[in-house]
Amino acid sequence: MNIKLNIVCLVAAIVVAGCESEEHEHHDGNLQAQAKITEADARATALTKVPDGKIKEAELEKEKGKLIWSFDIAKPNAEGISEVNVDAITGEIVAVEKSDKD
């Protein structure tokens, strides 16, 4: 009886995880549809703030009511990461933050 219950719980967990994954993908697709600035254009803009930097992570997200491209940029032979946020509607840089941690 315990084996059947464990199998049912496992199947339920897989189904729930699959639903959450589909919802997340749909949400990201919705954000992509709202963005007027492509990721490539936003990358180029972000890299103007960190010359010779390499983008480690990129994400399209809503932050403080704005749709932004957020880039974590590392510079060779330098410690820390710079986060550069580019407005996904206007293409303007809206924030630049430097952290000491990778």
PDB file of N, CA and C in Angstrom:
ATOM      1  N   MET A   1       0.816  -1.185   0.000  1.00  0.00           N
ATOM      2  CA  MET A   1       0.000   0.000   0.000  1.00  0.00           C
ATOM      3  C   MET A   1       0.868   1.261   0.000  1.00  0.00           C
ATOM      4  N   ASN A   2       1.961   1.274   0.779  1.00  0.00           N
ATOM      5  CA  ASN A   2       2.848   2.432   0.812  1.00  0.00           C
ATOM      6  C   ASN A   2       3.485   2.695  -0.542  1.00  0.00           C
ATOM      7  N   ILE A   3       3.812   1.652  -1.283  1.00  0.00           N
ATOM      8  CA  ILE A   3       4.423   1.824  -2.598  1.00  0.00           C
ATOM      9  C   ILE A   3       3.459   2.529  -3.538  1.00  0.00           C
ATOM     10  N   LYS A   4       2.185   2.135  -3.513  1.00  0.00           N
ATOM     11  CA  LYS A   4       1.175   2.775  -4.368  1.00  0.00           C
ATOM     12  C   LYS A   4       1.028   4.250  -3.999  1.00  0.00           C
ATOM     13  N   LEU A   5       1.012   4.542  -2.720  1.00  0.00           N
ATOM     14  CA  LEU A   5       0.883   5.928  -2.266  1.00  0.00           C
ATOM     15  C   LEU A   5       2.095   6.746  -2.697  1.00  0.00           C
ATOM     16  N   ASN A   6       3.279   6.185  -2.571  1.00  0.00           N
ATOM     17  CA  ASN A   6       4.497   6.876  -2.999  1.00  0.00           C
ATOM     18  C   ASN A   6       4.474   7.156  -4.492  1.00  0.00           C
ATOM     19  N   ILE A   7       4.012   6.192  -5.275  1.00  0.00           N
ATOM     20  CA  ILE A   7       3.942   6.377  -6.732  1.00  0.00           C
ATOM     21  C   ILE A   7       2.948   7.478  -7.075  1.00  0.00           C
ATOM     22  N   VAL A   8       1.793   7.474  -6.426  1.00  0.00           N
ATOM     23  CA  VAL A   8       0.787   8.510  -6.669  1.00  0.00           C
ATOM     24  C   VAL A   8       1.349   9.891  -6.321  1.00  0.00           C
ATOM     25  N   CYS A   9       2.026   9.988  -5.195  1.00  0.00           N
ATOM     26  CA  CYS A   9       2.626  11.271  -4.791  1.00  0.00           C
ATOM     27  C   CYS A   9       3.692  11.723  -5.781  1.00  0.00           C
ATOM     28  N   LEU A  10       4.503  10.800  -6.252  1.00  0.00           N
ATOM     29  CA  LEU A  10       5.543  11.130  -7.218  1.00  0.00           C
ATOM     30  C   LEU A  10       4.939  11.626  -8.529  1.00  0.00           C
ATOM     31  N   VAL A  11       3.913  10.946  -9.009  1.00  0.00           N
ATOM     32  CA  VAL A  11       3.249  11.366 -10.251  1.00  0.00           C
ATOM     33  C   VAL A  11       2.628  12.747 -10.075  1.00  0.00           C
ATOM     34  N   ALA A  12       1.992  12.975  -8.929  1.00  0.00           N
ATOM     35  CA  ALA A  12       1.388  14.280  -8.661  1.00  0.00           C
ATOM     36  C   ALA A  12       2.447  15.381  -8.646  1.00  0.00           C
ATOM     37  N   ALA A  13       3.591  15.116  -8.043  1.00  0.00           N
ATOM     38  CA  ALA A  13       4.672  16.102  -7.989  1.00  0.00           C
ATOM     39  C   ALA A  13       5.192  16.425  -9.387  1.00  0.00           C
ATOM     40  N   ILE A  14       5.295  15.411 -10.228  1.00  0.00           N
ATOM     41  CA  ILE A  14       5.767  15.630 -11.602  1.00  0.00           C
ATOM     42  C   ILE A  14       4.768  16.468 -12.386  1.00  0.00           C
ATOM     43  N   VAL A  15       3.483  16.177 -12.214  1.00  0.00           N
ATOM     44  CA  VAL A  15       2.450  16.940 -12.914  1.00  0.00           C
ATOM     45  C   VAL A  15       2.470  18.397 -12.475  1.00  0.00           C
ATOM     46  N   VAL A  16       2.570  18.645 -11.172  1.00  0.00           N
ATOM     47  CA  VAL A  16       2.605  20.016 -10.658  1.00  0.00           C
ATOM     48  C   VAL A  16       3.838  20.747 -11.178  1.00  0.00           C
ATOM     49  N   ALA A  17       4.990  20.098 -11.161  1.00  0.00           N
ATOM     50  CA  ALA A  17       6.222  20.726 -11.658  1.00  0.00           C
ATOM     51  C   ALA A  17       6.087  21.063 -13.131  1.00  0.00           C
ATOM     52  N   GLY A  18       5.483  20.203 -13.896  1.00  0.00           N
ATOM     53  CA  GLY A  18       5.281  20.465 -15.323  1.00  0.00           C
ATOM     54  C   GLY A  18       4.377  21.653 -15.551  1.00  0.00           C
ATOM     55  N   CYS A  19       3.320  21.779 -14.760  1.00  0.00           N
ATOM     56  CA  CYS A  19       2.407  22.918 -14.884  1.00  0.00           C
ATOM     57  C   CYS A  19       3.107  24.223 -14.543  1.00  0.00           C
ATOM     58  N   GLU A  20       3.921  24.216 -13.495  1.00  0.00           N
ATOM     59  CA  GLU A  20       4.659  25.420 -13.119  1.00  0.00           C
ATOM     60  C   GLU A  20       5.636  25.811 -14.201  1.00  0.00           C
ATOM     61  N   SER A  21       6.279  24.841 -14.816  1.00  0.00           N
ATOM     62  CA  SER A  21       7.237  25.112 -15.875  1.00  0.00           C
ATOM     63  C   SER A  21       6.547  25.745 -17.077  1.00  0.00           C
ATOM     64  N   GLU A  22       5.390  25.212 -17.469  1.00  0.00           N
ATOM     65  CA  GLU A  22       4.655  25.770 -18.598  1.00  0.00           C
ATOM     66  C   GLU A  22       4.203  27.189 -18.300  1.00  0.00           C
ATOM     67  N   GLU A  23       3.769  27.443 -17.063  1.00  0.00           N
ATOM     68  CA  GLU A  23       3.332  28.775 -16.687  1.00  0.00           C
ATOM     69  C   GLU A  23       4.487  29.752 -16.764  1.00  0.00           C
ATOM     70  N   HIS A  24       5.669  29.352 -16.295  1.00  0.00           N
ATOM     71  CA  HIS A  24       6.849  30.216 -16.337  1.00  0.00           C
ATOM     72  C   HIS A  24       7.225  30.543 -17.780  1.00  0.00           C
ATOM     73  N   GLU A  25       7.195  29.547 -18.653  1.00  0.00           N
ATOM     74  CA  GLU A  25       7.521  29.778 -20.054  1.00  0.00           C
ATOM     75  C   GLU A  25       6.525  30.737 -20.686  1.00  0.00           C
ATOM     76  N   HIS A  26       5.244  30.565 -20.352  1.00  0.00           N
ATOM     77  CA  HIS A  26       4.214  31.443 -20.897  1.00  0.00           C
ATOM     78  C   HIS A  26       4.454  32.881 -20.429  1.00  0.00           C
ATOM     79  N   HIS A  27       4.810  33.036 -19.156  1.00  0.00           N
ATOM     80  CA  HIS A  27       5.072  34.357 -18.593  1.00  0.00           C
ATOM     81  C   HIS A  27       6.253  35.016 -19.312  1.00  0.00           C
ATOM     82  N   ASP A  28       7.339  34.262 -19.511  1.00  0.00           N
ATOM     83  CA  ASP A  28       8.495  34.807 -20.209  1.00  0.00           C
ATOM     84  C   ASP A  28       8.131  35.199 -21.632  1.00  0.00           C
ATOM     85  N   GLY A  29       7.338  34.369 -22.288  1.00  0.00           N
ATOM     86  CA  GLY A  29       6.898  34.674 -23.652  1.00  0.00           C
ATOM     87  C   GLY A  29       6.074  35.947 -23.688  1.00  0.00           C
ATOM     88  N   ASN A  30       5.261  36.149 -22.662  1.00  0.00           N
ATOM     89  CA  ASN A  30       4.453  37.350 -22.574  1.00  0.00           C
ATOM     90  C   ASN A  30       5.340  38.579 -22.418  1.00  0.00           C
ATOM     91  N   LEU A  31       6.387  38.471 -21.608  1.00  0.00           N
ATOM     92  CA  LEU A  31       7.319  39.589 -21.441  1.00  0.00           C
ATOM     93  C   LEU A  31       8.047  39.866 -22.756  1.00  0.00           C
ATOM     94  N   GLN A  32       8.443  38.809 -23.443  1.00  0.00           N
ATOM     95  CA  GLN A  32       9.128  38.962 -24.738  1.00  0.00           C
ATOM     96  C   GLN A  32       8.234  39.733 -25.706  1.00  0.00           C
ATOM     97  N   ALA A  33       6.942  39.415 -25.695  1.00  0.00           N
ATOM     98  CA  ALA A  33       6.005  40.073 -26.606  1.00  0.00           C
ATOM     99  C   ALA A  33       5.864  41.560 -26.282  1.00  0.00           C
ATOM    100  N   GLN A  34       6.053  41.931 -25.019  1.00  0.00           N
ATOM    101  CA  GLN A  34       5.923  43.330 -24.606  1.00  0.00           C
ATOM    102  C   GLN A  34       7.172  44.159 -24.899  1.00  0.00           C
ATOM    103  N   ALA A  35       8.321  43.505 -24.972  1.00  0.00           N
ATOM    104  CA  ALA A  35       9.593  44.213 -25.152  1.00  0.00           C
ATOM    105  C   ALA A  35       9.679  44.837 -26.544  1.00  0.00           C
ATOM    106  N   LYS A  36      10.068  46.088 -26.593  1.00  0.00           N
ATOM    107  CA  LYS A  36      10.270  46.792 -27.868  1.00  0.00           C
ATOM    108  C   LYS A  36      11.741  46.743 -28.281  1.00  0.00           C
ATOM    109  N   ILE A  37      12.618  46.522 -27.299  1.00  0.00           N
ATOM    110  CA  ILE A  37      14.059  46.474 -27.528  1.00  0.00           C
ATOM    111  C   ILE A  37      14.484  45.009 -27.511  1.00  0.00           C
ATOM    112  N   THR A  38      15.206  44.590 -28.522  1.00  0.00           N
ATOM    113  CA  THR A  38      15.666  43.201 -28.560  1.00  0.00           C
ATOM    114  C   THR A  38      16.763  42.978 -27.520  1.00  0.00           C
ATOM    115  N   GLU A  39      16.963  41.725 -27.167  1.00  0.00           N
ATOM    116  CA  GLU A  39      18.033  41.400 -26.227  1.00  0.00           C
ATOM    117  C   GLU A  39      19.383  41.810 -26.805  1.00  0.00           C
ATOM    118  N   ALA A  40      19.581  41.594 -28.090  1.00  0.00           N
ATOM    119  CA  ALA A  40      20.865  41.948 -28.721  1.00  0.00           C
ATOM    120  C   ALA A  40      21.139  43.446 -28.619  1.00  0.00           C
ATOM    121  N   ASP A  41      20.136  44.254 -28.876  1.00  0.00           N
ATOM    122  CA  ASP A  41      20.322  45.704 -28.775  1.00  0.00           C
ATOM    123  C   ASP A  41      20.566  46.127 -27.325  1.00  0.00           C
ATOM    124  N   ALA A  42      19.832  45.515 -26.398  1.00  0.00           N
ATOM    125  CA  ALA A  42      20.012  45.840 -24.985  1.00  0.00           C
ATOM    126  C   ALA A  42      21.403  45.416 -24.501  1.00  0.00           C
ATOM    127  N   ARG A  43      21.891  44.272 -24.995  1.00  0.00           N
ATOM    128  CA  ARG A  43      23.250  43.817 -24.646  1.00  0.00           C
ATOM    129  C   ARG A  43      24.283  44.858 -25.072  1.00  0.00           C
ATOM    130  N   ALA A  44      24.166  45.315 -26.291  1.00  0.00           N
ATOM    131  CA  ALA A  44      25.119  46.304 -26.819  1.00  0.00           C
ATOM    132  C   ALA A  44      25.090  47.569 -25.962  1.00  0.00           C
ATOM    133  N   THR A  45      23.905  47.993 -25.574  1.00  0.00           N
ATOM    134  CA  THR A  45      23.772  49.187 -24.732  1.00  0.00           C
ATOM    135  C   THR A  45      24.407  48.949 -23.366  1.00  0.00           C
ATOM    136  N   ALA A  46      24.121  47.798 -22.762  1.00  0.00           N
ATOM    137  CA  ALA A  46      24.653  47.486 -21.427  1.00  0.00           C
ATOM    138  C   ALA A  46      26.178  47.441 -21.440  1.00  0.00           C
ATOM    139  N   LEU A  47      26.734  46.878 -22.491  1.00  0.00           N
ATOM    140  CA  LEU A  47      28.196  46.745 -22.558  1.00  0.00           C
ATOM    141  C   LEU A  47      28.909  48.090 -22.697  1.00  0.00           C
ATOM    142  N   THR A  48      28.203  49.148 -23.048  1.00  0.00           N
ATOM    143  CA  THR A  48      28.834  50.471 -23.096  1.00  0.00           C
ATOM    144  C   THR A  48      29.200  50.952 -21.694  1.00  0.00           C
ATOM    145  N   LYS A  49      28.533  50.404 -20.669  1.00  0.00           N
ATOM    146  CA  LYS A  49      28.815  50.789 -19.288  1.00  0.00           C
ATOM    147  C   LYS A  49      29.940  49.973 -18.672  1.00  0.00           C
ATOM    148  N   VAL A  50      30.281  48.831 -19.287  1.00  0.00           N
ATOM    149  CA  VAL A  50      31.357  47.977 -18.773  1.00  0.00           C
ATOM    150  C   VAL A  50      32.228  47.566 -19.964  1.00  0.00           C
ATOM    151  N   PRO A  51      33.073  48.495 -20.438  1.00  0.00           N
ATOM    152  CA  PRO A  51      33.927  48.173 -21.579  1.00  0.00           C
ATOM    153  C   PRO A  51      34.765  46.929 -21.302  1.00  0.00           C
ATOM    154  N   ASP A  52      34.932  46.094 -22.292  1.00  0.00           N
ATOM    155  CA  ASP A  52      35.668  44.835 -22.202  1.00  0.00           C
ATOM    156  C   ASP A  52      34.980  43.810 -21.295  1.00  0.00           C
ATOM    157  N   GLY A  53      33.744  44.067 -20.905  1.00  0.00           N
ATOM    158  CA  GLY A  53      33.023  43.147 -20.035  1.00  0.00           C
ATOM    159  C   GLY A  53      32.450  41.973 -20.817  1.00  0.00           C
ATOM    160  N   LYS A  54      32.134  40.922 -20.073  1.00  0.00           N
ATOM    161  CA  LYS A  54      31.514  39.738 -20.655  1.00  0.00           C
ATOM    162  C   LYS A  54      30.217  39.470 -19.895  1.00  0.00           C
ATOM    163  N   ILE A  55      29.123  39.338 -20.623  1.00  0.00           N
ATOM    164  CA  ILE A  55      27.832  39.096 -19.991  1.00  0.00           C
ATOM    165  C   ILE A  55      27.780  37.665 -19.478  1.00  0.00           C
ATOM    166  N   LYS A  56      27.525  37.536 -18.179  1.00  0.00           N
ATOM    167  CA  LYS A  56      27.450  36.233 -17.526  1.00  0.00           C
ATOM    168  C   LYS A  56      26.014  35.736 -17.458  1.00  0.00           C
ATOM    169  N   GLU A  57      25.063  36.664 -17.351  1.00  0.00           N
ATOM    170  CA  GLU A  57      23.664  36.287 -17.233  1.00  0.00           C
ATOM    171  C   GLU A  57      22.799  37.416 -17.778  1.00  0.00           C
ATOM    172  N   ALA A  58      21.720  37.051 -18.454  1.00  0.00           N
ATOM    173  CA  ALA A  58      20.775  38.029 -18.996  1.00  0.00           C
ATOM    174  C   ALA A  58      19.369  37.571 -18.668  1.00  0.00           C
ATOM    175  N   GLU A  59      18.509  38.551 -18.359  1.00  0.00           N
ATOM    176  CA  GLU A  59      17.146  38.204 -17.999  1.00  0.00           C
ATOM    177  C   GLU A  59      16.217  39.359 -18.343  1.00  0.00           C
ATOM    178  N   LEU A  60      15.061  39.022 -18.869  1.00  0.00           N
ATOM    179  CA  LEU A  60      14.001  39.992 -19.103  1.00  0.00           C
ATOM    180  C   LEU A  60      13.044  39.878 -17.933  1.00  0.00           C
ATOM    181  N   GLU A  61      12.810  40.994 -17.241  1.00  0.00           N
ATOM    182  CA  GLU A  61      11.981  40.939 -16.039  1.00  0.00           C
ATOM    183  C   GLU A  61      11.260  42.251 -15.791  1.00  0.00           C
ATOM    184  N   LYS A  62      10.229  42.173 -14.963  1.00  0.00           N
ATOM    185  CA  LYS A  62       9.547  43.383 -14.494  1.00  0.00           C
ATOM    186  C   LYS A  62      10.154  43.736 -13.151  1.00  0.00           C
ATOM    187  N   GLU A  63      10.602  44.975 -13.020  1.00  0.00           N
ATOM    188  CA  GLU A  63      11.187  45.435 -11.769  1.00  0.00           C
ATOM    189  C   GLU A  63      10.711  46.855 -11.515  1.00  0.00           C
ATOM    190  N   LYS A  64      10.114  47.049 -10.352  1.00  0.00           N
ATOM    191  CA  LYS A  64       9.577  48.366  -9.978  1.00  0.00           C
ATOM    192  C   LYS A  64       8.638  48.899 -11.061  1.00  0.00           C
ATOM    193  N   GLY A  65       7.834  47.999 -11.609  1.00  0.00           N
ATOM    194  CA  GLY A  65       6.838  48.394 -12.601  1.00  0.00           C
ATOM    195  C   GLY A  65       7.370  48.593 -14.007  1.00  0.00           C
ATOM    196  N   LYS A  66       8.670  48.413 -14.210  1.00  0.00           N
ATOM    197  CA  LYS A  66       9.274  48.591 -15.538  1.00  0.00           C
ATOM    198  C   LYS A  66       9.707  47.255 -16.108  1.00  0.00           C
ATOM    199  N   LEU A  67       9.563  47.114 -17.399  1.00  0.00           N
ATOM    200  CA  LEU A  67      10.072  45.941 -18.092  1.00  0.00           C
ATOM    201  C   LEU A  67      11.519  46.231 -18.460  1.00  0.00           C
ATOM    202  N   ILE A  68      12.430  45.415 -17.941  1.00  0.00           N
ATOM    203  CA  ILE A  68      13.857  45.678 -18.159  1.00  0.00           C
ATOM    204  C   ILE A  68      14.594  44.423 -18.608  1.00  0.00           C
ATOM    205  N   TRP A  69      15.659  44.677 -19.328  1.00  0.00           N
ATOM    206  CA  TRP A  69      16.679  43.653 -19.574  1.00  0.00           C
ATOM    207  C   TRP A  69      17.715  43.852 -18.490  1.00  0.00           C
ATOM    208  N   SER A  70      18.015  42.800 -17.748  1.00  0.00           N
ATOM    209  CA  SER A  70      19.003  42.866 -16.676  1.00  0.00           C
ATOM    210  C   SER A  70      20.203  42.014 -17.072  1.00  0.00           C
ATOM    211  N   PHE A  71      21.391  42.603 -17.019  1.00  0.00           N
ATOM    212  CA  PHE A  71      22.616  41.908 -17.411  1.00  0.00           C
ATOM    213  C   PHE A  71      23.621  41.924 -16.270  1.00  0.00           C
ATOM    214  N   ASP A  72      24.158  40.750 -15.950  1.00  0.00           N
ATOM    215  CA  ASP A  72      25.281  40.637 -15.016  1.00  0.00           C
ATOM    216  C   ASP A  72      26.535  40.571 -15.868  1.00  0.00           C
ATOM    217  N   ILE A  73      27.431  41.542 -15.676  1.00  0.00           N
ATOM    218  CA  ILE A  73      28.607  41.675 -16.533  1.00  0.00           C
ATOM    219  C   ILE A  73      29.872  41.609 -15.688  1.00  0.00           C
ATOM    220  N   ALA A  74      30.780  40.736 -16.102  1.00  0.00           N
ATOM    221  CA  ALA A  74      32.081  40.604 -15.429  1.00  0.00           C
ATOM    222  C   ALA A  74      33.149  41.185 -16.344  1.00  0.00           C
ATOM    223  N   LYS A  75      34.129  41.807 -15.728  1.00  0.00           N
ATOM    224  CA  LYS A  75      35.254  42.376 -16.472  1.00  0.00           C
ATOM    225  C   LYS A  75      36.483  41.512 -16.214  1.00  0.00           C
ATOM    226  N   PRO A  76      37.221  41.165 -17.262  1.00  0.00           N
ATOM    227  CA  PRO A  76      38.419  40.331 -17.065  1.00  0.00           C
ATOM    228  C   PRO A  76      39.382  40.973 -16.062  1.00  0.00           C
ATOM    229  N   ASN A  77      39.977  40.138 -15.218  1.00  0.00           N
ATOM    230  CA  ASN A  77      40.961  40.566 -14.227  1.00  0.00           C
ATOM    231  C   ASN A  77      40.422  41.586 -13.229  1.00  0.00           C
ATOM    232  N   ALA A  78      39.116  41.606 -13.044  1.00  0.00           N
ATOM    233  CA  ALA A  78      38.509  42.501 -12.057  1.00  0.00           C
ATOM    234  C   ALA A  78      37.565  41.688 -11.188  1.00  0.00           C
ATOM    235  N   GLU A  79      37.470  42.060  -9.931  1.00  0.00           N
ATOM    236  CA  GLU A  79      36.561  41.361  -9.031  1.00  0.00           C
ATOM    237  C   GLU A  79      35.178  41.973  -9.121  1.00  0.00           C
ATOM    238  N   GLY A  80      34.203  41.132  -8.837  1.00  0.00           N
ATOM    239  CA  GLY A  80      32.841  41.625  -8.772  1.00  0.00           C
ATOM    240  C   GLY A  80      32.114  41.567 -10.107  1.00  0.00           C
ATOM    241  N   ILE A  81      30.853  41.912 -10.011  1.00  0.00           N
ATOM    242  CA  ILE A  81      29.950  41.890 -11.154  1.00  0.00           C
ATOM    243  C   ILE A  81      29.240  43.233 -11.215  1.00  0.00           C
ATOM    244  N   SER A  82      29.033  43.725 -12.411  1.00  0.00           N
ATOM    245  CA  SER A  82      28.208  44.914 -12.597  1.00  0.00           C
ATOM    246  C   SER A  82      26.858  44.456 -13.147  1.00  0.00           C
ATOM    247  N   GLU A  83      25.779  44.932 -12.519  1.00  0.00           N
ATOM    248  CA  GLU A  83      24.447  44.667 -13.047  1.00  0.00           C
ATOM    249  C   GLU A  83      23.988  45.927 -13.764  1.00  0.00           C
ATOM    250  N   VAL A  84      23.682  45.763 -15.040  1.00  0.00           N
ATOM    251  CA  VAL A  84      23.221  46.891 -15.844  1.00  0.00           C
ATOM    252  C   VAL A  84      21.805  46.571 -16.295  1.00  0.00           C
ATOM    253  N   ASN A  85      20.883  47.505 -16.018  1.00  0.00           N
ATOM    254  CA  ASN A  85      19.487  47.339 -16.408  1.00  0.00           C
ATOM    255  C   ASN A  85      19.151  48.294 -17.539  1.00  0.00           C
ATOM    256  N   VAL A  86      18.572  47.733 -18.600  1.00  0.00           N
ATOM    257  CA  VAL A  86      18.189  48.509 -19.782  1.00  0.00           C
ATOM    258  C   VAL A  86      16.677  48.426 -19.926  1.00  0.00           C
ATOM    259  N   ASP A  87      16.030  49.572 -20.041  1.00  0.00           N
ATOM    260  CA  ASP A  87      14.584  49.612 -20.229  1.00  0.00           C
ATOM    261  C   ASP A  87      14.232  48.893 -21.532  1.00  0.00           C
ATOM    262  N   ALA A  88      13.369  47.892 -21.456  1.00  0.00           N
ATOM    263  CA  ALA A  88      13.035  47.072 -22.622  1.00  0.00           C
ATOM    264  C   ALA A  88      12.049  47.759 -23.562  1.00  0.00           C
ATOM    265  N   ILE A  89      11.558  48.936 -23.162  1.00  0.00           N
ATOM    266  CA  ILE A  89      10.650  49.705 -24.015  1.00  0.00           C
ATOM    267  C   ILE A  89      11.393  50.844 -24.710  1.00  0.00           C
ATOM    268  N   THR A  90      12.219  51.567 -23.946  1.00  0.00           N
ATOM    269  CA  THR A  90      12.894  52.751 -24.498  1.00  0.00           C
ATOM    270  C   THR A  90      14.334  52.499 -24.921  1.00  0.00           C
ATOM    271  N   GLY A  91      14.971  51.478 -24.345  1.00  0.00           N
ATOM    272  CA  GLY A  91      16.375  51.204 -24.639  1.00  0.00           C
ATOM    273  C   GLY A  91      17.344  52.002 -23.789  1.00  0.00           C
ATOM    274  N   GLU A  92      16.832  52.776 -22.841  1.00  0.00           N
ATOM    275  CA  GLU A  92      17.695  53.592 -21.986  1.00  0.00           C
ATOM    276  C   GLU A  92      18.220  52.768 -20.805  1.00  0.00           C
ATOM    277  N   ILE A  93      19.421  53.086 -20.368  1.00  0.00           N
ATOM    278  CA  ILE A  93      19.974  52.464 -19.172  1.00  0.00           C
ATOM    279  C   ILE A  93      19.266  53.085 -17.971  1.00  0.00           C
ATOM    280  N   VAL A  94      18.685  52.223 -17.125  1.00  0.00           N
ATOM    281  CA  VAL A  94      17.938  52.732 -15.976  1.00  0.00           C
ATOM    282  C   VAL A  94      18.657  52.501 -14.652  1.00  0.00           C
ATOM    283  N   ALA A  95      19.650  51.616 -14.635  1.00  0.00           N
ATOM    284  CA  ALA A  95      20.399  51.381 -13.389  1.00  0.00           C
ATOM    285  C   ALA A  95      21.706  50.670 -13.701  1.00  0.00           C
ATOM    286  N   VAL A  96      22.719  51.004 -12.890  1.00  0.00           N
ATOM    287  CA  VAL A  96      24.002  50.307 -12.937  1.00  0.00           C
ATOM    288  C   VAL A  96      24.430  50.100 -11.488  1.00  0.00           C
ATOM    289  N   GLU A  97      24.640  48.837 -11.109  1.00  0.00           N
ATOM    290  CA  GLU A  97      25.059  48.537  -9.737  1.00  0.00           C
ATOM    291  C   GLU A  97      26.265  47.617  -9.797  1.00  0.00           C
ATOM    292  N   LYS A  98      27.214  47.868  -8.931  1.00  0.00           N
ATOM    293  CA  LYS A  98      28.431  47.039  -8.860  1.00  0.00           C
ATOM    294  C   LYS A  98      28.420  46.287  -7.546  1.00  0.00           C
ATOM    295  N   SER A  99      28.691  44.982  -7.624  1.00  0.00           N
ATOM    296  CA  SER A  99      28.809  44.183  -6.411  1.00  0.00           C
ATOM    297  C   SER A  99      30.200  43.602  -6.341  1.00  0.00           C
ATOM    298  N   ASP A 100      30.673  43.351  -5.131  1.00  0.00           N
ATOM    299  CA  ASP A 100      32.003  42.800  -4.942  1.00  0.00           C
ATOM    300  C   ASP A 100      32.029  41.299  -5.101  1.00  0.00           C
ATOM    301  N   LYS A 101      30.859  40.669  -5.090  1.00  0.00           N
ATOM    302  CA  LYS A 101      30.784  39.209  -5.182  1.00  0.00           C
ATOM    303  C   LYS A 101      30.419  38.796  -6.597  1.00  0.00           C
ATOM    304  N   ASP A 102      30.909  37.608  -6.986  1.00  0.00           N
ATOM    305  CA  ASP A 102      30.562  37.055  -8.293  1.00  0.00           C
ATOM    306  C   ASP A 102      29.150  36.545  -8.299  1.00  0.00           C
TER     307      ASP A 102
END
